[in-house]
Amino acid sequence: MADGLQPGVIDLAFPVIGPFGHSVAALTVPYVATTYSVLDLATARRHAAQAAGEIGLVLAPESSQ
């Protein structure tokens, strides 16, 4: 979602799923596209989603087996 306060910033947000299958937190990552950006938006989105999933696994390690 584009940030209403800061043009050019896209806020990526993903739920962190806890041990009972419910969202217990959110991981929000601001993405700023510049000529110096190493990652494109799709890659940043994929990494943020993966990080949220990994955090959820730390909270609920038994559900990953």
C-alpha atoms as a PDB file:
ATOM      1  CA  MET A   1       0.000   0.000   0.000  1.00  0.00           C
ATOM      2  CA  ALA A   2       1.336   3.434  -0.873  1.00  0.00           C
ATOM      3  CA  ASP A   3       2.173   5.550   2.152  1.00  0.00           C
ATOM      4  CA  GLY A   4      -0.088   8.607   2.375  1.00  0.00           C
ATOM      5  CA  LEU A   5       2.465  10.598   4.355  1.00  0.00           C
ATOM      6  CA  GLN A   6       5.574   9.862   2.347  1.00  0.00           C
ATOM      7  CA  PRO A   7       5.318   9.720  -1.465  1.00  0.00           C
ATOM      8  CA  GLY A   8       7.440   6.983  -3.011  1.00  0.00           C
ATOM      9  CA  VAL A   9       7.232   4.719   0.040  1.00  0.00           C
ATOM     10  CA  ILE A  10       5.271   1.480  -0.135  1.00  0.00           C
ATOM     11  CA  ASP A  11       4.410  -0.200   3.164  1.00  0.00           C
ATOM     12  CA  LEU A  12       4.586  -3.987   2.990  1.00  0.00           C
ATOM     13  CA  ALA A  13       2.694  -5.686   5.827  1.00  0.00           C
ATOM     14  CA  PHE A  14       2.331  -9.377   6.587  1.00  0.00           C
ATOM     15  CA  PRO A  15       0.664 -11.224   9.469  1.00  0.00           C
ATOM     16  CA  VAL A  16       2.711 -13.279  11.906  1.00  0.00           C
ATOM     17  CA  ILE A  17       0.691 -16.404  12.578  1.00  0.00           C
ATOM     18  CA  GLY A  18       0.860 -17.783  16.119  1.00  0.00           C
ATOM     19  CA  PRO A  19       0.577 -21.323  17.453  1.00  0.00           C
ATOM     20  CA  PHE A  20      -3.218 -21.502  17.120  1.00  0.00           C
ATOM     21  CA  GLY A  21      -3.370 -20.295  13.526  1.00  0.00           C
ATOM     22  CA  HIS A  22      -4.310 -16.706  14.350  1.00  0.00           C
ATOM     23  CA  SER A  23      -2.413 -13.540  13.622  1.00  0.00           C
ATOM     24  CA  VAL A  24      -0.506 -12.453  16.734  1.00  0.00           C
ATOM     25  CA  ALA A  25       1.515  -9.640  15.180  1.00  0.00           C
ATOM     26  CA  ALA A  26       2.253  -7.873  11.945  1.00  0.00           C
ATOM     27  CA  LEU A  27       5.576  -7.363  10.225  1.00  0.00           C
ATOM     28  CA  THR A  28       5.656  -4.031   8.402  1.00  0.00           C
ATOM     29  CA  VAL A  29       8.513  -3.095   6.094  1.00  0.00           C
ATOM     30  CA  PRO A  30       8.735   0.274   4.348  1.00  0.00           C
ATOM     31  CA  TYR A  31       9.962  -0.119   0.762  1.00  0.00           C
ATOM     32  CA  VAL A  32      11.541   2.844  -0.996  1.00  0.00           C
ATOM     33  CA  ALA A  33      12.329   2.458  -4.684  1.00  0.00           C
ATOM     34  CA  THR A  34      15.321   4.521  -5.772  1.00  0.00           C
ATOM     35  CA  THR A  35      17.983   4.234  -8.434  1.00  0.00           C
ATOM     36  CA  TYR A  36      20.160   2.718  -5.689  1.00  0.00           C
ATOM     37  CA  SER A  37      17.663  -0.006  -4.752  1.00  0.00           C
ATOM     38  CA  VAL A  38      19.226  -3.459  -4.760  1.00  0.00           C
ATOM     39  CA  LEU A  39      15.915  -5.349  -4.519  1.00  0.00           C
ATOM     40  CA  ASP A  40      12.826  -4.790  -6.622  1.00  0.00           C
ATOM     41  CA  LEU A  41       9.392  -4.592  -4.995  1.00  0.00           C
ATOM     42  CA  ALA A  42       8.467  -8.219  -5.751  1.00  0.00           C
ATOM     43  CA  THR A  43      11.681  -9.503  -4.172  1.00  0.00           C
ATOM     44  CA  ALA A  44      11.287  -7.285  -1.106  1.00  0.00           C
ATOM     45  CA  ARG A  45       7.700  -8.503  -0.750  1.00  0.00           C
ATOM     46  CA  ARG A  46       8.814 -12.136  -0.985  1.00  0.00           C
ATOM     47  CA  HIS A  47      11.552 -11.653   1.642  1.00  0.00           C
ATOM     48  CA  ALA A  48       9.182  -9.866   4.041  1.00  0.00           C
ATOM     49  CA  ALA A  49       6.543 -12.596   3.680  1.00  0.00           C
ATOM     50  CA  GLN A  50       9.191 -15.256   4.317  1.00  0.00           C
ATOM     51  CA  ALA A  51      10.440 -13.396   7.404  1.00  0.00           C
ATOM     52  CA  ALA A  52       6.903 -13.179   8.825  1.00  0.00           C
ATOM     53  CA  GLY A  53       6.531 -16.925   8.277  1.00  0.00           C
ATOM     54  CA  GLU A  54       9.834 -17.653  10.000  1.00  0.00           C
ATOM     55  CA  ILE A  55       8.861 -15.518  12.996  1.00  0.00           C
ATOM     56  CA  GLY A  56       5.616 -17.481  13.227  1.00  0.00           C
ATOM     57  CA  LEU A  57       7.579 -20.745  13.247  1.00  0.00           C
ATOM     58  CA  VAL A  58       9.603 -19.534  16.222  1.00  0.00           C
ATOM     59  CA  LEU A  59       6.329 -18.903  18.053  1.00  0.00           C
ATOM     60  CA  ALA A  60       4.842 -22.262  17.069  1.00  0.00           C
ATOM     61  CA  PRO A  61       7.664 -24.716  16.293  1.00  0.00           C
ATOM     62  CA  GLU A  62       5.489 -27.789  16.889  1.00  0.00           C
ATOM     63  CA  SER A  63       3.119 -26.823  14.066  1.00  0.00           C
ATOM     64  CA  SER A  64       5.972 -26.990  11.527  1.00  0.00           C
ATOM     65  CA  GLN A  65       6.506 -30.731  12.005  1.00  0.00           C
END
